[in-house]
Amino acid sequence: MIRMILILTVLAVPASAAEWQKLNNEEIQQALASRVLQYSSATQDFFTDGRTLYEERQPSWGRWLVSGDRYCSVWPPSTEWTCYDLEQHERGLMLRFISDSGTITKGVYIDLN
């Protein structure tokens, strides 16, 4: 019984912030350039020339760059860039994008062999 309580207690504790590392300019570039991420219902390709392809039912082309230790993107016809903090899970297989409002979008690399 005590073992079960300990297990449930461990499972109930939220994931430690130490599991995620905020990335800087160089780390963001390395994490995204020439990579493909899978989100819950979409994929996104990040090309080294700054183009990005987001696909959910149909393709959507945008641009991306790194500025001030943040990932930024713009999606035509808009000309407004939106920037996010980017964190990488300590195991290196997952990224999370954090908006200024605190919304988190998680992506998993699918281009790994």
PDB file of N, CA and C in Angstrom:
ATOM      1  N   MET A   1       0.813  -1.190   0.000  1.00  0.00           N
ATOM      2  CA  MET A   1       0.000   0.000   0.000  1.00  0.00           C
ATOM      3  C   MET A   1       0.865   1.267   0.000  1.00  0.00           C
ATOM      4  N   ILE A   2       1.901   1.270   0.827  1.00  0.00           N
ATOM      5  CA  ILE A   2       2.795   2.432   0.874  1.00  0.00           C
ATOM      6  C   ILE A   2       3.486   2.624  -0.471  1.00  0.00           C
ATOM      7  N   ARG A   3       3.888   1.527  -1.106  1.00  0.00           N
ATOM      8  CA  ARG A   3       4.533   1.608  -2.423  1.00  0.00           C
ATOM      9  C   ARG A   3       3.587   2.264  -3.424  1.00  0.00           C
ATOM     10  N   MET A   4       2.304   1.888  -3.420  1.00  0.00           N
ATOM     11  CA  MET A   4       1.330   2.463  -4.342  1.00  0.00           C
ATOM     12  C   MET A   4       1.165   3.965  -4.087  1.00  0.00           C
ATOM     13  N   ILE A   5       1.133   4.371  -2.839  1.00  0.00           N
ATOM     14  CA  ILE A   5       1.018   5.789  -2.501  1.00  0.00           C
ATOM     15  C   ILE A   5       2.235   6.554  -3.006  1.00  0.00           C
ATOM     16  N   LEU A   6       3.412   5.989  -2.849  1.00  0.00           N
ATOM     17  CA  LEU A   6       4.635   6.647  -3.341  1.00  0.00           C
ATOM     18  C   LEU A   6       4.603   6.786  -4.852  1.00  0.00           C
ATOM     19  N   ILE A   7       4.184   5.749  -5.546  1.00  0.00           N
ATOM     20  CA  ILE A   7       4.109   5.799  -7.014  1.00  0.00           C
ATOM     21  C   ILE A   7       3.126   6.873  -7.449  1.00  0.00           C
ATOM     22  N   LEU A   8       1.951   6.899  -6.835  1.00  0.00           N
ATOM     23  CA  LEU A   8       0.953   7.904  -7.195  1.00  0.00           C
ATOM     24  C   LEU A   8       1.428   9.311  -6.884  1.00  0.00           C
ATOM     25  N   THR A   9       2.158   9.471  -5.794  1.00  0.00           N
ATOM     26  CA  THR A   9       2.703  10.776  -5.442  1.00  0.00           C
ATOM     27  C   THR A   9       3.715  11.245  -6.484  1.00  0.00           C
ATOM     28  N   VAL A  10       4.585  10.370  -6.913  1.00  0.00           N
ATOM     29  CA  VAL A  10       5.580  10.718  -7.941  1.00  0.00           C
ATOM     30  C   VAL A  10       4.899  11.083  -9.247  1.00  0.00           C
ATOM     31  N   LEU A  11       3.871  10.332  -9.635  1.00  0.00           N
ATOM     32  CA  LEU A  11       3.164  10.618 -10.877  1.00  0.00           C
ATOM     33  C   LEU A  11       2.400  11.934 -10.816  1.00  0.00           C
ATOM     34  N   ALA A  12       1.966  12.323  -9.629  1.00  0.00           N
ATOM     35  CA  ALA A  12       1.189  13.548  -9.479  1.00  0.00           C
ATOM     36  C   ALA A  12       2.054  14.803  -9.476  1.00  0.00           C
ATOM     37  N   VAL A  13       3.344  14.674  -9.227  1.00  0.00           N
ATOM     38  CA  VAL A  13       4.240  15.830  -9.194  1.00  0.00           C
ATOM     39  C   VAL A  13       4.457  16.320 -10.621  1.00  0.00           C
ATOM     40  N   PRO A  14       4.264  17.612 -10.874  1.00  0.00           N
ATOM     41  CA  PRO A  14       4.468  18.127 -12.225  1.00  0.00           C
ATOM     42  C   PRO A  14       5.921  17.953 -12.680  1.00  0.00           C
ATOM     43  N   ALA A  15       6.074  17.871 -13.989  1.00  0.00           N
ATOM     44  CA  ALA A  15       7.414  17.716 -14.555  1.00  0.00           C
ATOM     45  C   ALA A  15       8.292  18.894 -14.159  1.00  0.00           C
ATOM     46  N   SER A  16       9.491  18.607 -13.818  1.00  0.00           N
ATOM     47  CA  SER A  16      10.447  19.616 -13.371  1.00  0.00           C
ATOM     48  C   SER A  16      10.844  20.531 -14.517  1.00  0.00           C
ATOM     49  N   ALA A  17      11.029  21.787 -14.200  1.00  0.00           N
ATOM     50  CA  ALA A  17      11.471  22.756 -15.205  1.00  0.00           C
ATOM     51  C   ALA A  17      12.850  22.406 -15.726  1.00  0.00           C
ATOM     52  N   ALA A  18      13.616  21.653 -14.947  1.00  0.00           N
ATOM     53  CA  ALA A  18      14.960  21.270 -15.376  1.00  0.00           C
ATOM     54  C   ALA A  18      14.928  20.355 -16.591  1.00  0.00           C
ATOM     55  N   GLU A  19      13.780  19.756 -16.881  1.00  0.00           N
ATOM     56  CA  GLU A  19      13.669  18.885 -18.051  1.00  0.00           C
ATOM     57  C   GLU A  19      13.710  19.675 -19.352  1.00  0.00           C
ATOM     58  N   TRP A  20      13.426  20.965 -19.291  1.00  0.00           N
ATOM     59  CA  TRP A  20      13.391  21.822 -20.475  1.00  0.00           C
ATOM     60  C   TRP A  20      14.470  22.886 -20.362  1.00  0.00           C
ATOM     61  N   GLN A  21      15.157  23.130 -21.476  1.00  0.00           N
ATOM     62  CA  GLN A  21      16.208  24.143 -21.519  1.00  0.00           C
ATOM     63  C   GLN A  21      15.829  25.209 -22.538  1.00  0.00           C
ATOM     64  N   LYS A  22      15.827  26.468 -22.114  1.00  0.00           N
ATOM     65  CA  LYS A  22      15.570  27.569 -23.040  1.00  0.00           C
ATOM     66  C   LYS A  22      16.764  27.689 -23.972  1.00  0.00           C
ATOM     67  N   LEU A  23      16.490  27.821 -25.249  1.00  0.00           N
ATOM     68  CA  LEU A  23      17.549  27.876 -26.254  1.00  0.00           C
ATOM     69  C   LEU A  23      17.906  29.320 -26.602  1.00  0.00           C
ATOM     70  N   ASN A  24      19.185  29.527 -26.928  1.00  0.00           N
ATOM     71  CA  ASN A  24      19.647  30.837 -27.379  1.00  0.00           C
ATOM     72  C   ASN A  24      19.662  30.863 -28.915  1.00  0.00           C
ATOM     73  N   ASN A  25      20.088  31.991 -29.489  1.00  0.00           N
ATOM     74  CA  ASN A  25      20.073  32.154 -30.950  1.00  0.00           C
ATOM     75  C   ASN A  25      20.707  30.971 -31.683  1.00  0.00           C
ATOM     76  N   GLU A  26      21.932  30.653 -31.333  1.00  0.00           N
ATOM     77  CA  GLU A  26      22.661  29.576 -32.017  1.00  0.00           C
ATOM     78  C   GLU A  26      21.972  28.222 -31.821  1.00  0.00           C
ATOM     79  N   GLU A  27      21.506  27.956 -30.620  1.00  0.00           N
ATOM     80  CA  GLU A  27      20.847  26.672 -30.335  1.00  0.00           C
ATOM     81  C   GLU A  27      19.515  26.549 -31.077  1.00  0.00           C
ATOM     82  N   ILE A  28      18.780  27.657 -31.202  1.00  0.00           N
ATOM     83  CA  ILE A  28      17.521  27.635 -31.951  1.00  0.00           C
ATOM     84  C   ILE A  28      17.809  27.325 -33.417  1.00  0.00           C
ATOM     85  N   GLN A  29      18.799  27.997 -33.973  1.00  0.00           N
ATOM     86  CA  GLN A  29      19.178  27.751 -35.374  1.00  0.00           C
ATOM     87  C   GLN A  29      19.518  26.280 -35.578  1.00  0.00           C
ATOM     88  N   GLN A  30      20.325  25.720 -34.689  1.00  0.00           N
ATOM     89  CA  GLN A  30      20.712  24.312 -34.794  1.00  0.00           C
ATOM     90  C   GLN A  30      19.515  23.382 -34.612  1.00  0.00           C
ATOM     91  N   ALA A  31      18.592  23.749 -33.733  1.00  0.00           N
ATOM     92  CA  ALA A  31      17.445  22.897 -33.440  1.00  0.00           C
ATOM     93  C   ALA A  31      16.437  22.849 -34.579  1.00  0.00           C
ATOM     94  N   LEU A  32      16.370  23.923 -35.395  1.00  0.00           N
ATOM     95  CA  LEU A  32      15.324  23.998 -36.412  1.00  0.00           C
ATOM     96  C   LEU A  32      15.802  23.847 -37.853  1.00  0.00           C
ATOM     97  N   ALA A  33      16.969  24.370 -38.188  1.00  0.00           N
ATOM     98  CA  ALA A  33      17.411  24.373 -39.587  1.00  0.00           C
ATOM     99  C   ALA A  33      17.487  22.965 -40.158  1.00  0.00           C
ATOM    100  N   SER A  34      16.841  22.760 -41.279  1.00  0.00           N
ATOM    101  CA  SER A  34      16.804  21.465 -41.983  1.00  0.00           C
ATOM    102  C   SER A  34      16.160  20.372 -41.149  1.00  0.00           C
ATOM    103  N   ARG A  35      15.167  20.724 -40.347  1.00  0.00           N
ATOM    104  CA  ARG A  35      14.486  19.762 -39.483  1.00  0.00           C
ATOM    105  C   ARG A  35      12.996  19.745 -39.783  1.00  0.00           C
ATOM    106  N   VAL A  36      12.335  18.672 -39.341  1.00  0.00           N
ATOM    107  CA  VAL A  36      10.888  18.518 -39.496  1.00  0.00           C
ATOM    108  C   VAL A  36      10.300  18.161 -38.140  1.00  0.00           C
ATOM    109  N   LEU A  37       9.256  18.894 -37.750  1.00  0.00           N
ATOM    110  CA  LEU A  37       8.575  18.621 -36.489  1.00  0.00           C
ATOM    111  C   LEU A  37       7.157  18.128 -36.742  1.00  0.00           C
ATOM    112  N   GLN A  38       6.703  17.238 -35.879  1.00  0.00           N
ATOM    113  CA  GLN A  38       5.320  16.768 -35.882  1.00  0.00           C
ATOM    114  C   GLN A  38       4.627  17.392 -34.679  1.00  0.00           C
ATOM    115  N   TYR A  39       3.508  18.069 -34.931  1.00  0.00           N
ATOM    116  CA  TYR A  39       2.662  18.590 -33.864  1.00  0.00           C
ATOM    117  C   TYR A  39       1.475  17.647 -33.737  1.00  0.00           C
ATOM    118  N   SER A  40       0.495  17.992 -32.933  1.00  0.00           N
ATOM    119  CA  SER A  40      -0.626  17.079 -32.713  1.00  0.00           C
ATOM    120  C   SER A  40      -1.345  16.724 -34.015  1.00  0.00           C
ATOM    121  N   SER A  41      -1.526  17.675 -34.918  1.00  0.00           N
ATOM    122  CA  SER A  41      -2.244  17.362 -36.170  1.00  0.00           C
ATOM    123  C   SER A  41      -1.609  18.010 -37.395  1.00  0.00           C
ATOM    124  N   ALA A  42      -0.325  18.330 -37.312  1.00  0.00           N
ATOM    125  CA  ALA A  42       0.352  18.997 -38.428  1.00  0.00           C
ATOM    126  C   ALA A  42       1.843  18.683 -38.398  1.00  0.00           C
ATOM    127  N   THR A  43       2.516  18.993 -39.514  1.00  0.00           N
ATOM    128  CA  THR A  43       3.969  18.905 -39.572  1.00  0.00           C
ATOM    129  C   THR A  43       4.506  20.259 -40.026  1.00  0.00           C
ATOM    130  N   GLN A  44       5.784  20.505 -39.711  1.00  0.00           N
ATOM    131  CA  GLN A  44       6.424  21.739 -40.146  1.00  0.00           C
ATOM    132  C   GLN A  44       7.867  21.468 -40.510  1.00  0.00           C
ATOM    133  N   ASP A  45       8.234  21.882 -41.733  1.00  0.00           N
ATOM    134  CA  ASP A  45       9.609  21.800 -42.228  1.00  0.00           C
ATOM    135  C   ASP A  45      10.249  23.174 -42.082  1.00  0.00           C
ATOM    136  N   PHE A  46      11.483  23.186 -41.594  1.00  0.00           N
ATOM    137  CA  PHE A  46      12.240  24.430 -41.436  1.00  0.00           C
ATOM    138  C   PHE A  46      13.440  24.364 -42.376  1.00  0.00           C
ATOM    139  N   PHE A  47      13.442  25.200 -43.400  1.00  0.00           N
ATOM    140  CA  PHE A  47      14.518  25.198 -44.377  1.00  0.00           C
ATOM    141  C   PHE A  47      15.600  26.198 -43.976  1.00  0.00           C
ATOM    142  N   THR A  48      16.839  25.901 -44.348  1.00  0.00           N
ATOM    143  CA  THR A  48      17.967  26.754 -43.950  1.00  0.00           C
ATOM    144  C   THR A  48      17.905  28.144 -44.565  1.00  0.00           C
ATOM    145  N   ASP A  49      17.169  28.312 -45.675  1.00  0.00           N
ATOM    146  CA  ASP A  49      17.072  29.623 -46.317  1.00  0.00           C
ATOM    147  C   ASP A  49      15.991  30.513 -45.692  1.00  0.00           C
ATOM    148  N   GLY A  50      15.366  30.052 -44.593  1.00  0.00           N
ATOM    149  CA  GLY A  50      14.376  30.864 -43.909  1.00  0.00           C
ATOM    150  C   GLY A  50      12.935  30.570 -44.282  1.00  0.00           C
ATOM    151  N   ARG A  51      12.721  29.679 -45.236  1.00  0.00           N
ATOM    152  CA  ARG A  51      11.351  29.288 -45.563  1.00  0.00           C
ATOM    153  C   ARG A  51      10.892  28.224 -44.567  1.00  0.00           C
ATOM    154  N   THR A  52       9.578  28.156 -44.358  1.00  0.00           N
ATOM    155  CA  THR A  52       9.015  27.088 -43.533  1.00  0.00           C
ATOM    156  C   THR A  52       7.704  26.636 -44.156  1.00  0.00           C
ATOM    157  N   LEU A  53       7.463  25.344 -44.097  1.00  0.00           N
ATOM    158  CA  LEU A  53       6.252  24.755 -44.664  1.00  0.00           C
ATOM    159  C   LEU A  53       5.480  24.077 -43.544  1.00  0.00           C
ATOM    160  N   TYR A  54       4.268  24.596 -43.295  1.00  0.00           N
ATOM    161  CA  TYR A  54       3.385  24.049 -42.267  1.00  0.00           C
ATOM    162  C   TYR A  54       2.262  23.324 -43.002  1.00  0.00           C
ATOM    163  N   GLU A  55       2.065  22.050 -42.667  1.00  0.00           N
ATOM    164  CA  GLU A  55       1.045  21.270 -43.367  1.00  0.00           C
ATOM    165  C   GLU A  55       0.040  20.661 -42.398  1.00  0.00           C
ATOM    166  N   GLU A  56      -1.203  21.136 -42.526  1.00  0.00           N
ATOM    167  CA  GLU A  56      -2.343  20.584 -41.823  1.00  0.00           C
ATOM    168  C   GLU A  56      -3.499  20.655 -42.816  1.00  0.00           C
ATOM    169  N   ARG A  57      -3.809  19.547 -43.428  1.00  0.00           N
ATOM    170  CA  ARG A  57      -4.783  19.441 -44.518  1.00  0.00           C
ATOM    171  C   ARG A  57      -4.261  20.030 -45.821  1.00  0.00           C
ATOM    172  N   GLN A  58      -3.699  21.221 -45.783  1.00  0.00           N
ATOM    173  CA  GLN A  58      -3.106  21.810 -46.982  1.00  0.00           C
ATOM    174  C   GLN A  58      -1.837  22.576 -46.601  1.00  0.00           C
ATOM    175  N   PRO A  59      -0.921  22.737 -47.539  1.00  0.00           N
ATOM    176  CA  PRO A  59       0.355  23.398 -47.231  1.00  0.00           C
ATOM    177  C   PRO A  59       0.205  24.908 -47.040  1.00  0.00           C
ATOM    178  N   SER A  60       1.005  25.445 -46.130  1.00  0.00           N
ATOM    179  CA  SER A  60       1.062  26.883 -45.887  1.00  0.00           C
ATOM    180  C   SER A  60       2.539  27.269 -45.766  1.00  0.00           C
ATOM    181  N   TRP A  61       2.989  28.148 -46.661  1.00  0.00           N
ATOM    182  CA  TRP A  61       4.385  28.585 -46.664  1.00  0.00           C
ATOM    183  C   TRP A  61       4.541  29.877 -45.884  1.00  0.00           C
ATOM    184  N   GLY A  62       5.575  29.939 -45.071  1.00  0.00           N
ATOM    185  CA  GLY A  62       5.900  31.138 -44.316  1.00  0.00           C
ATOM    186  C   GLY A  62       7.405  31.337 -44.285  1.00  0.00           C
ATOM    187  N   ARG A  63       7.839  32.250 -43.434  1.00  0.00           N
ATOM    188  CA  ARG A  63       9.267  32.535 -43.246  1.00  0.00           C
ATOM    189  C   ARG A  63       9.574  32.410 -41.765  1.00  0.00           C
ATOM    190  N   TRP A  64      10.826  32.057 -41.459  1.00  0.00           N
ATOM    191  CA  TRP A  64      11.251  31.992 -40.058  1.00  0.00           C
ATOM    192  C   TRP A  64      12.638  32.572 -39.913  1.00  0.00           C
ATOM    193  N   LEU A  65      12.932  33.056 -38.707  1.00  0.00           N
ATOM    194  CA  LEU A  65      14.262  33.562 -38.383  1.00  0.00           C
ATOM    195  C   LEU A  65      14.436  33.489 -36.868  1.00  0.00           C
ATOM    196  N   VAL A  66      15.645  33.751 -36.449  1.00  0.00           N
ATOM    197  CA  VAL A  66      15.975  33.752 -35.028  1.00  0.00           C
ATOM    198  C   VAL A  66      16.431  35.159 -34.666  1.00  0.00           C
ATOM    199  N   SER A  67      15.846  35.710 -33.589  1.00  0.00           N
ATOM    200  CA  SER A  67      16.185  37.065 -33.185  1.00  0.00           C
ATOM    201  C   SER A  67      15.996  37.197 -31.675  1.00  0.00           C
ATOM    202  N   GLY A  68      17.015  37.719 -30.995  1.00  0.00           N
ATOM    203  CA  GLY A  68      16.913  37.954 -29.561  1.00  0.00           C
ATOM    204  C   GLY A  68      16.629  36.701 -28.757  1.00  0.00           C
ATOM    205  N   ASP A  69      17.270  35.602 -29.133  1.00  0.00           N
ATOM    206  CA  ASP A  69      17.077  34.304 -28.477  1.00  0.00           C
ATOM    207  C   ASP A  69      15.631  33.826 -28.561  1.00  0.00           C
ATOM    208  N   ARG A  70      14.973  34.146 -29.695  1.00  0.00           N
ATOM    209  CA  ARG A  70      13.594  33.722 -29.915  1.00  0.00           C
ATOM    210  C   ARG A  70      13.418  33.252 -31.348  1.00  0.00           C
ATOM    211  N   TYR A  71      12.511  32.299 -31.540  1.00  0.00           N
ATOM    212  CA  TYR A  71      12.086  31.853 -32.864  1.00  0.00           C
ATOM    213  C   TYR A  71      10.977  32.795 -33.318  1.00  0.00           C
ATOM    214  N   CYS A  72      11.079  33.302 -34.543  1.00  0.00           N
ATOM    215  CA  CYS A  72      10.070  34.207 -35.079  1.00  0.00           C
ATOM    216  C   CYS A  72       9.588  33.694 -36.433  1.00  0.00           C
ATOM    217  N   SER A  73       8.297  33.907 -36.716  1.00  0.00           N
ATOM    218  CA  SER A  73       7.748  33.482 -37.999  1.00  0.00           C
ATOM    219  C   SER A  73       6.724  34.495 -38.493  1.00  0.00           C
ATOM    220  N   VAL A  74       6.532  34.473 -39.806  1.00  0.00           N
ATOM    221  CA  VAL A  74       5.519  35.307 -40.453  1.00  0.00           C
ATOM    222  C   VAL A  74       4.831  34.448 -41.506  1.00  0.00           C
ATOM    223  N   TRP A  75       3.508  34.605 -41.603  1.00  0.00           N
ATOM    224  CA  TRP A  75       2.710  33.794 -42.522  1.00  0.00           C
ATOM    225  C   TRP A  75       1.895  34.720 -43.413  1.00  0.00           C
ATOM    226  N   PRO A  76       2.275  34.823 -44.711  1.00  0.00           N
ATOM    227  CA  PRO A  76       1.527  35.678 -45.631  1.00  0.00           C
ATOM    228  C   PRO A  76       0.044  35.281 -45.646  1.00  0.00           C
ATOM    229  N   PRO A  77      -0.821  36.243 -45.827  1.00  0.00           N
ATOM    230  CA  PRO A  77      -0.547  37.607 -46.289  1.00  0.00           C
ATOM    231  C   PRO A  77      -0.102  38.561 -45.187  1.00  0.00           C
ATOM    232  N   SER A  78      -0.047  38.107 -43.938  1.00  0.00           N
ATOM    233  CA  SER A  78       0.395  38.982 -42.855  1.00  0.00           C
ATOM    234  C   SER A  78       1.854  39.385 -43.063  1.00  0.00           C
ATOM    235  N   THR A  79       2.196  40.565 -42.582  1.00  0.00           N
ATOM    236  CA  THR A  79       3.586  41.021 -42.607  1.00  0.00           C
ATOM    237  C   THR A  79       4.120  41.162 -41.183  1.00  0.00           C
ATOM    238  N   GLU A  80       3.312  40.776 -40.212  1.00  0.00           N
ATOM    239  CA  GLU A  80       3.687  40.873 -38.800  1.00  0.00           C
ATOM    240  C   GLU A  80       4.402  39.608 -38.344  1.00  0.00           C
ATOM    241  N   TRP A  81       5.607  39.773 -37.806  1.00  0.00           N
ATOM    242  CA  TRP A  81       6.365  38.661 -37.258  1.00  0.00           C
ATOM    243  C   TRP A  81       5.876  38.371 -35.842  1.00  0.00           C
ATOM    244  N   THR A  82       5.748  37.091 -35.513  1.00  0.00           N
ATOM    245  CA  THR A  82       5.385  36.665 -34.165  1.00  0.00           C
ATOM    246  C   THR A  82       6.542  35.840 -33.626  1.00  0.00           C
ATOM    247  N   CYS A  83       6.956  36.130 -32.394  1.00  0.00           N
ATOM    248  CA  CYS A  83       8.130  35.459 -31.829  1.00  0.00           C
ATOM    249  C   CYS A  83       7.750  34.625 -30.604  1.00  0.00           C
ATOM    250  N   TYR A  84       8.523  33.561 -30.396  1.00  0.00           N
ATOM    251  CA  TYR A  84       8.278  32.603 -29.323  1.00  0.00           C
ATOM    252  C   TYR A  84       9.599  32.245 -28.651  1.00  0.00           C
ATOM    253  N   ASP A  85       9.537  31.997 -27.355  1.00  0.00           N
ATOM    254  CA  ASP A  85      10.666  31.355 -26.695  1.00  0.00           C
ATOM    255  C   ASP A  85      10.665  29.913 -27.163  1.00  0.00           C
ATOM    256  N   LEU A  86      11.833  29.319 -27.272  1.00  0.00           N
ATOM    257  CA  LEU A  86      11.934  27.932 -27.698  1.00  0.00           C
ATOM    258  C   LEU A  86      12.725  27.163 -26.658  1.00  0.00           C
ATOM    259  N   GLU A  87      12.155  26.052 -26.215  1.00  0.00           N
ATOM    260  CA  GLU A  87      12.806  25.188 -25.237  1.00  0.00           C
ATOM    261  C   GLU A  87      12.920  23.788 -25.814  1.00  0.00           C
ATOM    262  N   GLN A  88      14.003  23.117 -25.418  1.00  0.00           N
ATOM    263  CA  GLN A  88      14.227  21.746 -25.870  1.00  0.00           C
ATOM    264  C   GLN A  88      14.214  20.826 -24.656  1.00  0.00           C
ATOM    265  N   HIS A  89      13.553  19.682 -24.827  1.00  0.00           N
ATOM    266  CA  HIS A  89      13.517  18.699 -23.753  1.00  0.00           C
ATOM    267  C   HIS A  89      14.912  18.128 -23.574  1.00  0.00           C
ATOM    268  N   GLU A  90      15.250  17.781 -22.345  1.00  0.00           N
ATOM    269  CA  GLU A  90      16.604  17.310 -22.046  1.00  0.00           C
ATOM    270  C   GLU A  90      16.990  16.079 -22.859  1.00  0.00           C
ATOM    271  N   ARG A  91      16.042  15.302 -23.323  1.00  0.00           N
ATOM    272  CA  ARG A  91      16.361  14.133 -24.150  1.00  0.00           C
ATOM    273  C   ARG A  91      16.589  14.515 -25.607  1.00  0.00           C
ATOM    274  N   GLY A  92      16.279  15.766 -25.950  1.00  0.00           N
ATOM    275  CA  GLY A  92      16.603  16.291 -27.265  1.00  0.00           C
ATOM    276  C   GLY A  92      15.649  15.946 -28.388  1.00  0.00           C
ATOM    277  N   LEU A  93      14.556  15.252 -28.117  1.00  0.00           N
ATOM    278  CA  LEU A  93      13.654  14.827 -29.177  1.00  0.00           C
ATOM    279  C   LEU A  93      12.419  15.701 -29.313  1.00  0.00           C
ATOM    280  N   MET A  94      12.206  16.615 -28.377  1.00  0.00           N
ATOM    281  CA  MET A  94      11.004  17.419 -28.369  1.00  0.00           C
ATOM    282  C   MET A  94      11.346  18.881 -28.130  1.00  0.00           C
ATOM    283  N   LEU A  95      10.607  19.751 -28.834  1.00  0.00           N
ATOM    284  CA  LEU A  95      10.731  21.192 -28.649  1.00  0.00           C
ATOM    285  C   LEU A  95       9.388  21.732 -28.206  1.00  0.00           C
ATOM    286  N   ARG A  96       9.423  22.860 -27.488  1.00  0.00           N
ATOM    287  CA  ARG A  96       8.165  23.538 -27.211  1.00  0.00           C
ATOM    288  C   ARG A  96       8.336  25.025 -27.470  1.00  0.00           C
ATOM    289  N   PHE A  97       7.334  25.579 -28.139  1.00  0.00           N
ATOM    290  CA  PHE A  97       7.274  26.980 -28.497  1.00  0.00           C
ATOM    291  C   PHE A  97       6.354  27.652 -27.482  1.00  0.00           C
ATOM    292  N   ILE A  98       6.824  28.729 -26.855  1.00  0.00           N
ATOM    293  CA  ILE A  98       6.050  29.398 -25.820  1.00  0.00           C
ATOM    294  C   ILE A  98       5.761  30.826 -26.278  1.00  0.00           C
ATOM    295  N   SER A  99       4.474  31.111 -26.438  1.00  0.00           N
ATOM    296  CA  SER A  99       4.064  32.442 -26.908  1.00  0.00           C
ATOM    297  C   SER A  99       4.143  33.447 -25.773  1.00  0.00           C
ATOM    298  N   ASP A 100       4.023  34.723 -26.113  1.00  0.00           N
ATOM    299  CA  ASP A 100       4.044  35.779 -25.105  1.00  0.00           C
ATOM    300  C   ASP A 100       2.894  35.626 -24.109  1.00  0.00           C
ATOM    301  N   SER A 101       1.792  35.004 -24.537  1.00  0.00           N
ATOM    302  CA  SER A 101       0.644  34.807 -23.640  1.00  0.00           C
ATOM    303  C   SER A 101       0.790  33.549 -22.786  1.00  0.00           C
ATOM    304  N   GLY A 102       1.864  32.757 -23.045  1.00  0.00           N
ATOM    305  CA  GLY A 102       2.099  31.551 -22.260  1.00  0.00           C
ATOM    306  C   GLY A 102       1.588  30.279 -22.899  1.00  0.00           C
ATOM    307  N   THR A 103       0.977  30.370 -24.076  1.00  0.00           N
ATOM    308  CA  THR A 103       0.510  29.181 -24.784  1.00  0.00           C
ATOM    309  C   THR A 103       1.710  28.352 -25.227  1.00  0.00           C
ATOM    310  N   ILE A 104       1.627  27.042 -25.025  1.00  0.00           N
ATOM    311  CA  ILE A 104       2.730  26.140 -25.366  1.00  0.00           C
ATOM    312  C   ILE A 104       2.299  25.207 -26.485  1.00  0.00           C
ATOM    313  N   THR A 105       3.138  25.117 -27.517  1.00  0.00           N
ATOM    314  CA  THR A 105       2.942  24.159 -28.601  1.00  0.00           C
ATOM    315  C   THR A 105       4.151  23.247 -28.622  1.00  0.00           C
ATOM    316  N   LYS A 106       3.898  21.947 -28.532  1.00  0.00           N
ATOM    317  CA  LYS A 106       4.994  20.973 -28.516  1.00  0.00           C
ATOM    318  C   LYS A 106       5.125  20.306 -29.879  1.00  0.00           C
ATOM    319  N   GLY A 107       6.383  20.115 -30.286  1.00  0.00           N
ATOM    320  CA  GLY A 107       6.693  19.408 -31.514  1.00  0.00           C
ATOM    321  C   GLY A 107       7.735  18.348 -31.268  1.00  0.00           C
ATOM    322  N   VAL A 108       7.631  17.243 -32.012  1.00  0.00           N
ATOM    323  CA  VAL A 108       8.569  16.131 -31.900  1.00  0.00           C
ATOM    324  C   VAL A 108       9.262  15.977 -33.244  1.00  0.00           C
ATOM    325  N   TYR A 109      10.574  15.785 -33.223  1.00  0.00           N
ATOM    326  CA  TYR A 109      11.316  15.561 -34.457  1.00  0.00           C
ATOM    327  C   TYR A 109      10.822  14.287 -35.130  1.00  0.00           C
ATOM    328  N   ILE A 110      10.550  14.376 -36.444  1.00  0.00           N
ATOM    329  CA  ILE A 110      10.195  13.168 -37.190  1.00  0.00           C
ATOM    330  C   ILE A 110      11.190  12.884 -38.304  1.00  0.00           C
ATOM    331  N   ASP A 111      12.246  13.666 -38.365  1.00  0.00           N
ATOM    332  CA  ASP A 111      13.255  13.464 -39.410  1.00  0.00           C
ATOM    333  C   ASP A 111      14.437  12.668 -38.919  1.00  0.00           C
ATOM    334  N   LEU A 112      14.338  12.088 -37.736  1.00  0.00           N
ATOM    335  CA  LEU A 112      15.441  11.294 -37.192  1.00  0.00           C
ATOM    336  C   LEU A 112      15.383   9.875 -37.741  1.00  0.00           C
ATOM    337  N   ASN A 113      16.523   9.343 -38.105  1.00  0.00           N
ATOM    338  CA  ASN A 113      16.580   7.973 -38.627  1.00  0.00           C
ATOM    339  C   ASN A 113      16.951   7.003 -37.524  1.00  0.00           C
TER     340      ASN A 113
END
